[in-house]
């Protein structure tokens, strides 16, 4: 009877051990991966003058999927700055079956964002992390652009290489983006989508990873 009990206990021990081993194998703690990342400088029209923001986006991979990711950090070690972007705050989009996450809201309270090397750290819900360095050394080469619309005529004051008009409806919903080929002309000649009520000028210096975005104004 005692031998039978001992055999039963040994069998139970082996069964439990095998179960725990299977959990260990099936739940491997694999860190996420940042395969690519970039910073783009965006200058917005503030009340006290142009304000700098960074758009930060990284291409990521995680064996357990996008839902397993938790926090994205951006560090500028030299200036001792840190930004934290939680998973419910970041922007996620999929392009050619590649997942991108990021934000357009990297800013400092006053002054310009520091240039140089930044460090991006991605942490998943299991606590595993990975990091990648990104450098931004661009500068603002042109004065902040302006756009005026009056009497059905638009006038753009811009030295930026590419200028676009971003159109919105009466509720502020995005409608369309139109390239402006001439710095002045008739609004009707721009081919604005039906329902356009306001628009903002988006000027871009693509080779310098820099753009400027004005406040919206009425289009009619």
N, C-alpha and C. Protein backbone atom coordinates (compact mmCIF):
# COMPACT_ATOMS: atom_id res chain seq x y z
N UNK A 1 0.84 -1.20 0.00
CA UNK A 1 0.00 0.00 0.00
C UNK A 1 0.87 1.24 0.00
N UNK A 2 1.94 1.25 0.81
CA UNK A 2 2.84 2.40 0.88
C UNK A 2 3.56 2.60 -0.44
N UNK A 3 3.98 1.46 -1.09
CA UNK A 3 4.66 1.58 -2.38
C UNK A 3 3.73 2.18 -3.43
N UNK A 4 2.46 1.80 -3.38
CA UNK A 4 1.50 2.32 -4.35
C UNK A 4 1.31 3.82 -4.16
N UNK A 5 1.25 4.25 -2.88
CA UNK A 5 1.09 5.67 -2.58
C UNK A 5 2.30 6.45 -3.06
N UNK A 6 3.50 5.88 -2.86
CA UNK A 6 4.73 6.54 -3.28
C UNK A 6 4.76 6.68 -4.80
N UNK A 7 4.33 5.63 -5.51
CA UNK A 7 4.28 5.70 -6.97
C UNK A 7 3.31 6.77 -7.44
N UNK A 8 2.18 6.87 -6.75
CA UNK A 8 1.18 7.88 -7.11
C UNK A 8 1.72 9.29 -6.92
N UNK A 9 2.44 9.51 -5.78
CA UNK A 9 3.02 10.83 -5.51
C UNK A 9 4.09 11.17 -6.54
N UNK A 10 4.90 10.17 -6.89
CA UNK A 10 5.92 10.41 -7.91
C UNK A 10 5.30 10.78 -9.26
N UNK A 11 4.21 10.10 -9.58
CA UNK A 11 3.52 10.40 -10.84
C UNK A 11 2.96 11.82 -10.83
N UNK A 12 2.34 12.21 -9.71
CA UNK A 12 1.78 13.56 -9.59
C UNK A 12 2.88 14.61 -9.67
N UNK A 13 4.02 14.33 -9.02
CA UNK A 13 5.13 15.29 -9.06
C UNK A 13 5.62 15.48 -10.50
N UNK A 14 5.78 14.38 -11.23
CA UNK A 14 6.23 14.46 -12.61
C UNK A 14 5.22 15.19 -13.49
N UNK A 15 3.94 14.96 -13.23
CA UNK A 15 2.89 15.61 -14.02
C UNK A 15 2.91 17.12 -13.80
N UNK A 16 3.03 17.52 -12.52
CA UNK A 16 3.09 18.96 -12.19
C UNK A 16 4.33 19.59 -12.80
N UNK A 17 5.48 18.88 -12.70
CA UNK A 17 6.73 19.41 -13.25
C UNK A 17 6.61 19.59 -14.77
N UNK A 18 6.02 18.62 -15.44
CA UNK A 18 5.85 18.71 -16.89
C UNK A 18 4.94 19.87 -17.26
N UNK A 19 3.89 20.09 -16.45
CA UNK A 19 2.96 21.20 -16.71
C UNK A 19 3.67 22.54 -16.56
N UNK A 20 4.45 22.69 -15.48
CA UNK A 20 5.17 23.95 -15.27
C UNK A 20 6.21 24.18 -16.36
N UNK A 21 6.85 23.09 -16.80
CA UNK A 21 7.85 23.22 -17.86
C UNK A 21 7.20 23.67 -19.16
N UNK A 22 5.99 23.17 -19.43
CA UNK A 22 5.30 23.57 -20.66
C UNK A 22 4.92 25.04 -20.61
N UNK A 23 4.56 25.53 -19.42
CA UNK A 23 4.25 26.96 -19.28
C UNK A 23 5.48 27.81 -19.54
N UNK A 24 6.61 27.34 -19.03
CA UNK A 24 7.86 28.09 -19.21
C UNK A 24 8.23 28.18 -20.67
N UNK A 25 8.06 27.06 -21.39
CA UNK A 25 8.42 27.04 -22.80
C UNK A 25 7.46 27.87 -23.63
N UNK A 26 6.14 27.77 -23.33
CA UNK A 26 5.15 28.48 -24.14
C UNK A 26 5.09 29.95 -23.83
N UNK A 27 5.59 30.40 -22.67
CA UNK A 27 5.54 31.81 -22.29
C UNK A 27 6.95 32.38 -22.21
N UNK A 28 7.71 32.21 -23.26
CA UNK A 28 9.07 32.72 -23.27
C UNK A 28 9.05 34.24 -23.16
N UNK A 29 9.99 34.77 -22.40
CA UNK A 29 10.05 36.21 -22.16
C UNK A 29 10.95 36.84 -23.23
N UNK A 30 10.31 37.20 -24.34
CA UNK A 30 11.04 37.75 -25.48
C UNK A 30 10.85 39.26 -25.52
N UNK A 31 11.94 40.02 -25.57
CA UNK A 31 11.80 41.48 -25.61
C UNK A 31 11.25 41.94 -26.94
N UNK A 32 10.59 43.10 -26.96
CA UNK A 32 10.13 43.65 -28.24
C UNK A 32 11.32 44.14 -29.05
N UNK A 33 11.06 44.57 -30.28
CA UNK A 33 12.15 45.04 -31.14
C UNK A 33 11.72 46.32 -31.85
N UNK A 34 12.62 47.31 -31.87
CA UNK A 34 12.43 48.53 -32.66
C UNK A 34 13.29 48.37 -33.91
N UNK A 35 12.67 48.21 -35.05
CA UNK A 35 13.42 47.97 -36.28
C UNK A 35 13.78 49.27 -37.00
N UNK A 36 13.05 50.35 -36.73
CA UNK A 36 13.35 51.63 -37.37
C UNK A 36 12.62 52.72 -36.59
N UNK A 37 13.15 53.94 -36.63
CA UNK A 37 12.50 55.05 -35.96
C UNK A 37 12.97 56.38 -36.52
N UNK A 38 12.14 57.41 -36.35
CA UNK A 38 12.54 58.74 -36.83
C UNK A 38 11.87 59.83 -35.99
N UNK A 39 12.50 60.98 -35.99
CA UNK A 39 11.96 62.20 -35.40
C UNK A 39 11.74 63.22 -36.51
N UNK A 40 10.61 63.90 -36.48
CA UNK A 40 10.34 64.97 -37.43
C UNK A 40 9.92 66.21 -36.66
N UNK A 41 10.54 67.34 -36.98
CA UNK A 41 10.24 68.59 -36.30
C UNK A 41 9.01 69.23 -36.94
N UNK A 42 8.01 69.57 -36.12
CA UNK A 42 6.81 70.24 -36.58
C UNK A 42 6.65 71.53 -35.78
N UNK A 43 6.51 72.65 -36.49
CA UNK A 43 6.38 73.94 -35.84
C UNK A 43 4.92 74.39 -35.95
N UNK A 44 4.30 74.63 -34.81
CA UNK A 44 2.91 75.07 -34.77
C UNK A 44 2.82 76.56 -34.47
N UNK A 45 1.72 77.15 -34.87
CA UNK A 45 1.48 78.56 -34.65
C UNK A 45 0.90 78.76 -33.24
N UNK A 46 1.72 79.22 -32.32
CA UNK A 46 1.28 79.44 -30.94
C UNK A 46 0.90 80.90 -30.70
N UNK A 47 0.32 81.17 -29.54
CA UNK A 47 -0.09 82.53 -29.20
C UNK A 47 1.11 83.46 -29.06
N UNK A 48 2.22 82.93 -28.57
CA UNK A 48 3.40 83.75 -28.36
C UNK A 48 4.48 83.52 -29.42
N UNK A 49 4.08 82.97 -30.56
CA UNK A 49 5.04 82.69 -31.62
C UNK A 49 5.09 81.21 -31.94
N UNK A 50 5.88 80.83 -32.93
CA UNK A 50 5.98 79.42 -33.33
C UNK A 50 6.45 78.53 -32.18
N UNK A 51 5.88 77.33 -32.08
CA UNK A 51 6.22 76.38 -31.03
C UNK A 51 6.69 75.07 -31.68
N UNK A 52 7.80 74.55 -31.20
CA UNK A 52 8.37 73.33 -31.75
C UNK A 52 7.79 72.09 -31.08
N UNK A 53 7.47 71.10 -31.90
CA UNK A 53 7.08 69.77 -31.44
C UNK A 53 7.84 68.75 -32.27
N UNK A 54 8.07 67.58 -31.68
CA UNK A 54 8.60 66.46 -32.45
C UNK A 54 7.48 65.45 -32.68
N UNK A 55 7.44 64.92 -33.89
CA UNK A 55 6.69 63.70 -34.15
C UNK A 55 7.68 62.55 -34.05
N UNK A 56 7.37 61.60 -33.18
CA UNK A 56 8.21 60.41 -32.99
C UNK A 56 7.43 59.18 -33.42
N UNK A 57 8.00 58.41 -34.35
CA UNK A 57 7.38 57.15 -34.75
C UNK A 57 8.45 56.07 -34.89
N UNK A 58 8.11 54.87 -34.41
CA UNK A 58 9.02 53.73 -34.51
C UNK A 58 8.28 52.54 -35.09
N UNK A 59 9.00 51.77 -35.92
CA UNK A 59 8.47 50.51 -36.43
C UNK A 59 8.84 49.42 -35.44
N UNK A 60 7.85 48.64 -35.00
CA UNK A 60 8.09 47.72 -33.89
C UNK A 60 7.66 46.29 -34.26
N UNK A 61 8.23 45.35 -33.50
CA UNK A 61 7.86 43.94 -33.61
C UNK A 61 7.83 43.34 -32.21
N UNK A 62 6.82 42.50 -31.97
CA UNK A 62 6.73 41.77 -30.70
C UNK A 62 6.05 40.44 -30.99
N UNK A 63 6.65 39.36 -30.55
CA UNK A 63 6.12 38.03 -30.85
C UNK A 63 4.70 37.84 -30.34
N UNK A 64 4.35 38.57 -29.27
CA UNK A 64 3.01 38.43 -28.69
C UNK A 64 2.04 39.48 -29.21
N UNK A 65 2.44 40.26 -30.20
CA UNK A 65 1.52 41.19 -30.83
C UNK A 65 1.56 42.60 -30.24
N UNK A 66 0.91 43.52 -30.94
CA UNK A 66 0.91 44.93 -30.56
C UNK A 66 0.26 45.15 -29.20
N UNK A 67 -0.72 44.30 -28.84
CA UNK A 67 -1.42 44.47 -27.56
C UNK A 67 -0.53 44.14 -26.37
N UNK A 68 0.62 43.52 -26.62
CA UNK A 68 1.54 43.18 -25.53
C UNK A 68 2.47 44.34 -25.18
N UNK A 69 2.44 45.41 -25.96
CA UNK A 69 3.31 46.55 -25.70
C UNK A 69 2.67 47.50 -24.70
N UNK A 70 3.50 48.16 -23.90
CA UNK A 70 2.97 48.92 -22.77
C UNK A 70 3.36 50.39 -22.77
N UNK A 71 4.65 50.70 -22.82
CA UNK A 71 5.11 52.08 -22.67
C UNK A 71 6.24 52.37 -23.65
N UNK A 72 6.21 53.59 -24.19
CA UNK A 72 7.28 54.08 -25.05
C UNK A 72 7.90 55.31 -24.38
N UNK A 73 9.23 55.28 -24.21
CA UNK A 73 9.94 56.40 -23.59
C UNK A 73 10.86 57.05 -24.64
N UNK A 74 11.02 58.36 -24.50
CA UNK A 74 12.01 59.09 -25.30
C UNK A 74 12.89 59.88 -24.33
N UNK A 75 14.21 59.68 -24.47
CA UNK A 75 15.17 60.34 -23.58
C UNK A 75 16.12 61.21 -24.40
N UNK A 76 16.45 62.37 -23.84
CA UNK A 76 17.59 63.15 -24.31
C UNK A 76 18.53 63.23 -23.12
N UNK A 77 19.51 62.32 -23.09
CA UNK A 77 20.34 62.14 -21.90
C UNK A 77 21.17 63.38 -21.57
N UNK A 78 21.67 64.05 -22.60
CA UNK A 78 22.53 65.20 -22.33
C UNK A 78 21.77 66.31 -21.60
N UNK A 79 20.50 66.53 -21.99
CA UNK A 79 19.69 67.57 -21.35
C UNK A 79 18.83 67.02 -20.22
N UNK A 80 18.96 65.72 -19.93
CA UNK A 80 18.22 65.06 -18.85
C UNK A 80 16.71 65.24 -19.01
N UNK A 81 16.23 64.98 -20.23
CA UNK A 81 14.81 65.08 -20.53
C UNK A 81 14.24 63.70 -20.77
N UNK A 82 12.97 63.52 -20.38
CA UNK A 82 12.30 62.24 -20.61
C UNK A 82 10.83 62.48 -20.91
N UNK A 83 10.32 61.78 -21.92
CA UNK A 83 8.90 61.78 -22.22
C UNK A 83 8.38 60.35 -22.14
N UNK A 84 7.20 60.19 -21.57
CA UNK A 84 6.59 58.86 -21.42
C UNK A 84 5.28 58.83 -22.19
N UNK A 85 5.13 57.85 -23.09
CA UNK A 85 3.92 57.70 -23.89
C UNK A 85 3.33 56.32 -23.60
N UNK A 86 2.20 56.29 -22.89
CA UNK A 86 1.53 55.03 -22.59
C UNK A 86 0.81 54.49 -23.82
N UNK A 87 0.51 53.20 -23.79
CA UNK A 87 -0.09 52.55 -24.95
C UNK A 87 -1.45 53.13 -25.32
N UNK A 88 -2.19 53.67 -24.34
CA UNK A 88 -3.48 54.26 -24.64
C UNK A 88 -3.36 55.70 -25.15
N UNK A 89 -2.13 56.21 -25.24
CA UNK A 89 -1.90 57.58 -25.71
C UNK A 89 -1.24 57.61 -27.09
N UNK A 90 -0.53 56.55 -27.46
CA UNK A 90 0.21 56.63 -28.71
C UNK A 90 -0.69 56.38 -29.91
N UNK A 91 -0.20 56.86 -31.07
CA UNK A 91 -0.86 56.65 -32.35
C UNK A 91 -0.31 55.35 -32.95
N UNK A 92 -1.23 54.51 -33.43
CA UNK A 92 -0.82 53.24 -34.03
C UNK A 92 -1.37 53.15 -35.44
N UNK A 93 -0.51 52.83 -36.39
CA UNK A 93 -1.01 52.56 -37.73
C UNK A 93 -0.17 51.43 -38.34
N UNK A 94 -0.80 50.73 -39.28
CA UNK A 94 -0.15 49.61 -39.96
C UNK A 94 0.03 49.95 -41.43
N UNK A 95 1.26 49.84 -41.90
CA UNK A 95 1.58 50.16 -43.29
C UNK A 95 2.38 49.02 -43.89
N UNK A 96 1.85 48.39 -44.93
CA UNK A 96 2.51 47.24 -45.56
C UNK A 96 2.81 46.14 -44.55
N UNK A 97 1.83 45.89 -43.66
CA UNK A 97 1.94 44.86 -42.63
C UNK A 97 3.04 45.15 -41.62
N UNK A 98 3.45 46.41 -41.50
CA UNK A 98 4.42 46.83 -40.50
C UNK A 98 3.71 47.73 -39.50
N UNK A 99 3.90 47.45 -38.20
CA UNK A 99 3.27 48.23 -37.16
C UNK A 99 4.13 49.41 -36.77
N UNK A 100 3.51 50.60 -36.72
CA UNK A 100 4.17 51.82 -36.29
C UNK A 100 3.42 52.39 -35.09
N UNK A 101 4.16 52.84 -34.09
CA UNK A 101 3.55 53.53 -32.96
C UNK A 101 4.32 54.82 -32.72
N UNK A 102 3.65 55.80 -32.13
CA UNK A 102 4.34 57.05 -31.85
C UNK A 102 3.41 58.15 -31.37
N UNK A 103 3.89 59.37 -31.46
CA UNK A 103 3.15 60.53 -30.98
C UNK A 103 3.59 61.76 -31.76
N UNK A 104 2.74 62.77 -31.78
CA UNK A 104 3.09 64.06 -32.38
C UNK A 104 3.20 65.14 -31.32
N UNK A 105 3.37 64.76 -30.07
CA UNK A 105 3.25 65.71 -28.96
C UNK A 105 4.52 65.85 -28.12
N UNK A 106 5.69 65.59 -28.70
CA UNK A 106 6.94 65.78 -27.95
C UNK A 106 7.29 67.27 -27.95
N UNK A 107 7.35 67.87 -26.76
CA UNK A 107 7.62 69.31 -26.67
C UNK A 107 8.24 69.62 -25.32
N UNK A 108 8.79 70.83 -25.20
CA UNK A 108 9.29 71.34 -23.93
C UNK A 108 8.47 72.56 -23.56
N UNK A 109 8.50 72.93 -22.29
CA UNK A 109 7.67 74.03 -21.81
C UNK A 109 8.03 75.35 -22.46
N UNK A 110 9.32 75.59 -22.65
CA UNK A 110 9.77 76.84 -23.25
C UNK A 110 10.96 76.58 -24.17
N UNK A 111 11.08 77.41 -25.20
CA UNK A 111 12.25 77.35 -26.07
C UNK A 111 12.18 76.22 -27.08
N UNK A 112 13.34 75.96 -27.68
CA UNK A 112 13.45 74.96 -28.73
C UNK A 112 13.77 73.58 -28.17
N UNK A 113 13.37 72.58 -28.90
CA UNK A 113 13.73 71.21 -28.55
C UNK A 113 15.22 71.01 -28.80
N UNK A 114 15.91 70.31 -27.90
CA UNK A 114 17.35 70.08 -28.12
C UNK A 114 17.60 69.18 -29.32
N UNK A 115 18.68 69.46 -30.03
CA UNK A 115 19.08 68.63 -31.15
C UNK A 115 20.05 67.56 -30.65
N UNK A 116 20.48 66.70 -31.55
CA UNK A 116 21.43 65.68 -31.17
C UNK A 116 20.79 64.32 -31.01
N UNK A 117 21.40 63.49 -30.18
CA UNK A 117 21.00 62.09 -30.04
C UNK A 117 19.91 61.91 -29.00
N UNK A 118 18.89 61.16 -29.38
CA UNK A 118 17.82 60.75 -28.48
C UNK A 118 17.85 59.24 -28.34
N UNK A 119 17.25 58.77 -27.27
CA UNK A 119 17.19 57.33 -27.01
C UNK A 119 15.74 56.92 -26.82
N UNK A 120 15.29 55.96 -27.63
CA UNK A 120 13.92 55.46 -27.55
C UNK A 120 13.93 54.11 -26.84
N UNK A 121 13.08 53.96 -25.84
CA UNK A 121 12.97 52.70 -25.08
C UNK A 121 11.53 52.22 -25.15
N UNK A 122 11.35 50.98 -25.56
CA UNK A 122 10.03 50.36 -25.65
C UNK A 122 9.94 49.21 -24.65
N UNK A 123 8.88 49.22 -23.85
CA UNK A 123 8.69 48.21 -22.79
C UNK A 123 7.37 47.49 -23.04
N UNK A 124 7.39 46.14 -22.95
CA UNK A 124 6.13 45.41 -23.08
C UNK A 124 5.53 45.11 -21.71
N UNK A 125 4.37 44.48 -21.70
CA UNK A 125 3.65 44.25 -20.45
C UNK A 125 4.33 43.24 -19.55
N UNK A 126 5.26 42.46 -20.09
CA UNK A 126 6.03 41.53 -19.27
C UNK A 126 7.25 42.16 -18.64
N UNK A 127 7.51 43.44 -18.95
CA UNK A 127 8.65 44.14 -18.40
C UNK A 127 9.90 44.08 -19.25
N UNK A 128 9.86 43.34 -20.38
CA UNK A 128 11.02 43.28 -21.26
C UNK A 128 11.10 44.57 -22.07
N UNK A 129 12.31 45.01 -22.35
CA UNK A 129 12.47 46.29 -23.04
C UNK A 129 13.56 46.21 -24.10
N UNK A 130 13.53 47.16 -24.99
CA UNK A 130 14.55 47.33 -26.01
C UNK A 130 14.73 48.81 -26.26
N UNK A 131 15.86 49.21 -26.82
CA UNK A 131 16.07 50.63 -27.08
C UNK A 131 16.81 50.83 -28.40
N UNK A 132 16.68 52.06 -28.91
CA UNK A 132 17.32 52.43 -30.17
C UNK A 132 17.63 53.92 -30.13
N UNK A 133 18.76 54.30 -30.68
CA UNK A 133 19.16 55.70 -30.73
C UNK A 133 18.68 56.34 -32.03
N UNK A 134 18.19 57.58 -31.90
CA UNK A 134 17.74 58.36 -33.05
C UNK A 134 18.36 59.75 -32.94
N UNK A 135 18.91 60.25 -34.01
CA UNK A 135 19.55 61.57 -33.99
C UNK A 135 18.77 62.55 -34.85
N UNK A 136 18.53 63.75 -34.30
CA UNK A 136 17.92 64.82 -35.08
C UNK A 136 18.82 66.05 -35.00
N UNK A 137 19.38 66.45 -36.13
CA UNK A 137 20.26 67.62 -36.20
C UNK A 137 19.73 68.66 -37.18
N UNK A 138 18.46 68.56 -37.53
CA UNK A 138 17.89 69.50 -38.49
C UNK A 138 17.71 70.89 -37.90
N UNK A 139 17.49 71.85 -38.76
CA UNK A 139 17.22 73.21 -38.30
C UNK A 139 16.11 73.81 -39.15
N UNK A 140 15.53 74.89 -38.66
CA UNK A 140 14.45 75.57 -39.36
C UNK A 140 15.07 76.57 -40.32
N UNK A 141 14.94 76.31 -41.60
CA UNK A 141 15.63 77.13 -42.60
C UNK A 141 14.79 78.30 -43.11
N UNK A 142 13.49 78.29 -42.81
CA UNK A 142 12.61 79.30 -43.39
C UNK A 142 11.74 79.94 -42.31
N UNK A 143 11.32 81.18 -42.58
CA UNK A 143 10.40 81.87 -41.66
C UNK A 143 9.06 81.15 -41.63
N UNK A 144 8.36 81.31 -40.51
CA UNK A 144 7.06 80.65 -40.38
C UNK A 144 6.11 81.16 -41.46
N UNK A 145 5.41 80.26 -42.15
CA UNK A 145 4.56 80.66 -43.29
C UNK A 145 3.26 81.31 -42.83
N UNK A 146 2.61 81.98 -43.76
CA UNK A 146 1.32 82.62 -43.49
C UNK A 146 0.38 82.37 -44.66
N UNK A 147 -0.92 82.37 -44.36
CA UNK A 147 -1.93 82.27 -45.42
C UNK A 147 -3.08 83.21 -45.08
N UNK A 148 -3.57 83.90 -46.10
CA UNK A 148 -4.72 84.79 -45.97
C UNK A 148 -5.74 84.42 -47.03
N UNK A 149 -7.03 84.46 -46.67
CA UNK A 149 -8.11 84.22 -47.63
C UNK A 149 -9.14 85.32 -47.44
N UNK A 150 -9.40 86.05 -48.51
CA UNK A 150 -10.35 87.16 -48.45
C UNK A 150 -10.95 87.38 -49.82
N UNK A 151 -12.27 87.52 -49.85
CA UNK A 151 -12.96 87.78 -51.11
C UNK A 151 -12.75 86.72 -52.15
N UNK A 152 -12.60 85.50 -51.74
CA UNK A 152 -12.42 84.40 -52.68
C UNK A 152 -11.01 84.26 -53.22
N UNK A 153 -10.06 85.06 -52.67
CA UNK A 153 -8.67 85.02 -53.11
C UNK A 153 -7.79 84.57 -51.95
N UNK A 154 -6.87 83.66 -52.23
CA UNK A 154 -5.92 83.23 -51.19
C UNK A 154 -4.53 83.79 -51.51
N UNK A 155 -3.78 84.07 -50.44
CA UNK A 155 -2.40 84.53 -50.58
C UNK A 155 -1.54 83.79 -49.57
N UNK A 156 -0.49 83.16 -50.05
CA UNK A 156 0.44 82.40 -49.20
C UNK A 156 1.78 83.13 -49.15
N UNK A 157 2.28 83.34 -47.94
CA UNK A 157 3.62 83.89 -47.77
C UNK A 157 4.51 82.77 -47.22
N UNK A 158 5.31 82.18 -48.10
CA UNK A 158 6.09 81.01 -47.69
C UNK A 158 7.29 80.83 -48.60
N UNK A 159 8.43 80.53 -48.00
CA UNK A 159 9.64 80.14 -48.73
C UNK A 159 9.87 78.64 -48.66
N UNK A 160 8.96 77.92 -48.02
CA UNK A 160 9.13 76.49 -47.85
C UNK A 160 8.97 75.78 -49.21
N UNK A 161 9.71 74.70 -49.44
CA UNK A 161 9.69 74.03 -50.76
C UNK A 161 8.32 73.48 -51.15
N UNK A 162 7.56 72.96 -50.19
CA UNK A 162 6.25 72.36 -50.48
C UNK A 162 5.20 72.99 -49.57
N UNK A 163 4.08 73.39 -50.16
CA UNK A 163 2.99 73.99 -49.39
C UNK A 163 1.69 73.27 -49.71
N UNK A 164 0.95 72.94 -48.68
CA UNK A 164 -0.31 72.22 -48.84
C UNK A 164 -1.41 72.92 -48.03
N UNK A 165 -2.64 72.73 -48.48
CA UNK A 165 -3.80 73.24 -47.75
C UNK A 165 -4.53 72.05 -47.16
N UNK A 166 -4.71 72.05 -45.84
CA UNK A 166 -5.40 70.96 -45.14
C UNK A 166 -6.80 71.43 -44.82
N UNK A 167 -7.80 70.75 -45.36
CA UNK A 167 -9.19 71.21 -45.30
C UNK A 167 -10.00 70.44 -44.26
N UNK A 168 -10.93 71.17 -43.61
CA UNK A 168 -11.80 70.60 -42.59
C UNK A 168 -13.24 71.02 -42.83
N UNK A 169 -14.18 70.22 -42.31
CA UNK A 169 -15.60 70.59 -42.42
C UNK A 169 -16.02 71.46 -41.25
N UNK A 170 -17.31 71.74 -41.12
CA UNK A 170 -17.81 72.65 -40.09
C UNK A 170 -17.64 72.11 -38.68
N UNK A 171 -17.44 70.80 -38.55
CA UNK A 171 -17.23 70.18 -37.24
C UNK A 171 -15.75 69.96 -36.93
N UNK A 172 -14.88 70.43 -37.81
CA UNK A 172 -13.45 70.26 -37.59
C UNK A 172 -12.91 68.92 -38.04
N UNK A 173 -13.72 68.16 -38.77
CA UNK A 173 -13.26 66.87 -39.27
C UNK A 173 -12.40 67.05 -40.52
N UNK A 174 -11.33 66.29 -40.59
CA UNK A 174 -10.42 66.37 -41.74
C UNK A 174 -11.11 65.90 -43.01
N UNK A 175 -10.91 66.64 -44.11
CA UNK A 175 -11.50 66.27 -45.38
C UNK A 175 -10.45 65.87 -46.41
N UNK A 176 -9.46 66.75 -46.62
CA UNK A 176 -8.51 66.49 -47.70
C UNK A 176 -7.29 67.39 -47.56
N UNK A 177 -6.19 66.99 -48.22
CA UNK A 177 -4.98 67.80 -48.30
C UNK A 177 -4.69 68.10 -49.77
N UNK A 178 -4.50 69.39 -50.08
CA UNK A 178 -4.33 69.83 -51.46
C UNK A 178 -2.98 70.53 -51.60
N UNK A 179 -2.19 70.15 -52.58
CA UNK A 179 -0.92 70.82 -52.84
C UNK A 179 -1.18 72.18 -53.49
N UNK A 180 -0.54 73.22 -52.98
CA UNK A 180 -0.68 74.56 -53.53
C UNK A 180 0.49 74.80 -54.49
N UNK A 181 0.18 74.93 -55.76
CA UNK A 181 1.22 75.13 -56.77
C UNK A 181 1.54 76.60 -57.01
N UNK A 182 0.62 77.47 -56.66
CA UNK A 182 0.82 78.91 -56.82
C UNK A 182 0.58 79.58 -55.48
N UNK A 183 1.39 80.60 -55.15
CA UNK A 183 1.28 81.25 -53.85
C UNK A 183 0.11 82.23 -53.76
N UNK A 184 -0.62 82.43 -54.83
CA UNK A 184 -1.82 83.26 -54.79
C UNK A 184 -2.75 82.84 -55.91
N UNK A 185 -4.03 83.13 -55.72
CA UNK A 185 -5.00 82.77 -56.75
C UNK A 185 -6.39 82.69 -56.20
N UNK A 186 -7.29 82.16 -57.01
CA UNK A 186 -8.68 82.02 -56.64
C UNK A 186 -8.89 80.76 -55.80
N UNK A 187 -9.65 80.88 -54.71
CA UNK A 187 -9.95 79.72 -53.87
C UNK A 187 -10.71 78.67 -54.68
N UNK A 188 -11.59 79.12 -55.55
CA UNK A 188 -12.37 78.17 -56.35
C UNK A 188 -11.48 77.33 -57.26
N UNK A 189 -10.31 77.86 -57.62
CA UNK A 189 -9.41 77.13 -58.49
C UNK A 189 -8.60 76.05 -57.79
N UNK A 190 -8.70 75.99 -56.45
CA UNK A 190 -7.95 74.99 -55.70
C UNK A 190 -8.63 73.62 -55.70
N UNK A 191 -9.92 73.60 -56.03
CA UNK A 191 -10.64 72.33 -56.03
C UNK A 191 -10.88 71.78 -54.64
N UNK A 192 -11.30 72.67 -53.72
CA UNK A 192 -11.57 72.23 -52.35
C UNK A 192 -12.72 71.24 -52.33
N UNK A 193 -12.68 70.24 -51.46
CA UNK A 193 -13.79 69.29 -51.38
C UNK A 193 -15.07 69.95 -50.88
N UNK A 194 -16.19 69.43 -51.32
CA UNK A 194 -17.49 69.94 -50.87
C UNK A 194 -17.59 69.85 -49.35
N UNK A 195 -18.07 70.92 -48.73
CA UNK A 195 -18.20 70.92 -47.28
C UNK A 195 -17.03 71.55 -46.56
N UNK A 196 -16.02 72.00 -47.30
CA UNK A 196 -14.86 72.64 -46.66
C UNK A 196 -15.29 73.98 -46.04
N UNK A 197 -14.93 74.17 -44.78
CA UNK A 197 -15.27 75.41 -44.09
C UNK A 197 -14.02 76.12 -43.56
N UNK A 198 -13.02 75.36 -43.17
CA UNK A 198 -11.77 75.95 -42.69
C UNK A 198 -10.59 75.19 -43.29
N UNK A 199 -9.42 75.84 -43.21
CA UNK A 199 -8.22 75.18 -43.73
C UNK A 199 -7.00 75.74 -43.02
N UNK A 200 -5.94 74.95 -42.99
CA UNK A 200 -4.65 75.36 -42.43
C UNK A 200 -3.58 75.15 -43.48
N UNK A 201 -2.54 75.96 -43.41
CA UNK A 201 -1.41 75.81 -44.32
C UNK A 201 -0.39 74.88 -43.69
N UNK A 202 0.00 73.85 -44.44
CA UNK A 202 1.04 72.92 -44.01
C UNK A 202 2.21 73.07 -44.97
N UNK A 203 3.30 73.66 -44.47
CA UNK A 203 4.51 73.87 -45.27
C UNK A 203 5.56 72.86 -44.85
N UNK A 204 6.29 72.32 -45.82
CA UNK A 204 7.20 71.22 -45.49
C UNK A 204 8.55 71.38 -46.17
N UNK A 205 9.59 71.09 -45.40
CA UNK A 205 10.96 70.99 -45.88
C UNK A 205 11.35 69.53 -45.74
N UNK A 206 11.00 68.72 -46.72
CA UNK A 206 11.07 67.27 -46.61
C UNK A 206 12.49 66.76 -46.38
N UNK A 207 13.47 67.35 -47.05
CA UNK A 207 14.84 66.88 -46.92
C UNK A 207 15.43 67.16 -45.55
N UNK A 208 14.79 68.05 -44.80
CA UNK A 208 15.28 68.44 -43.48
C UNK A 208 14.42 67.89 -42.36
N UNK A 209 13.45 67.03 -42.71
CA UNK A 209 12.52 66.44 -41.73
C UNK A 209 11.91 67.54 -40.86
N UNK A 210 11.40 68.59 -41.52
CA UNK A 210 10.87 69.73 -40.80
C UNK A 210 9.62 70.24 -41.52
N UNK A 211 8.60 70.64 -40.76
CA UNK A 211 7.40 71.20 -41.36
C UNK A 211 6.79 72.24 -40.43
N UNK A 212 5.89 73.06 -40.97
CA UNK A 212 5.22 74.10 -40.20
C UNK A 212 3.73 74.02 -40.46
N UNK A 213 2.94 74.29 -39.42
CA UNK A 213 1.50 74.13 -39.50
C UNK A 213 0.83 75.36 -38.89
N UNK A 214 0.06 76.09 -39.71
CA UNK A 214 -0.60 77.30 -39.22
C UNK A 214 -1.92 76.96 -38.54
N UNK A 215 -2.51 77.95 -37.89
CA UNK A 215 -3.87 77.80 -37.38
C UNK A 215 -4.85 77.77 -38.55
N UNK A 216 -6.03 77.24 -38.30
CA UNK A 216 -7.05 77.18 -39.35
C UNK A 216 -7.69 78.55 -39.53
N UNK A 217 -8.14 78.81 -40.76
CA UNK A 217 -8.86 80.03 -41.08
C UNK A 217 -10.06 79.67 -41.95
N UNK A 218 -11.11 80.52 -41.97
CA UNK A 218 -12.25 80.24 -42.86
C UNK A 218 -11.83 80.29 -44.32
N UNK A 219 -12.44 79.44 -45.14
CA UNK A 219 -12.11 79.41 -46.56
C UNK A 219 -13.14 80.16 -47.41
N UNK A 220 -14.22 80.62 -46.79
CA UNK A 220 -15.20 81.39 -47.54
C UNK A 220 -15.91 82.40 -46.64
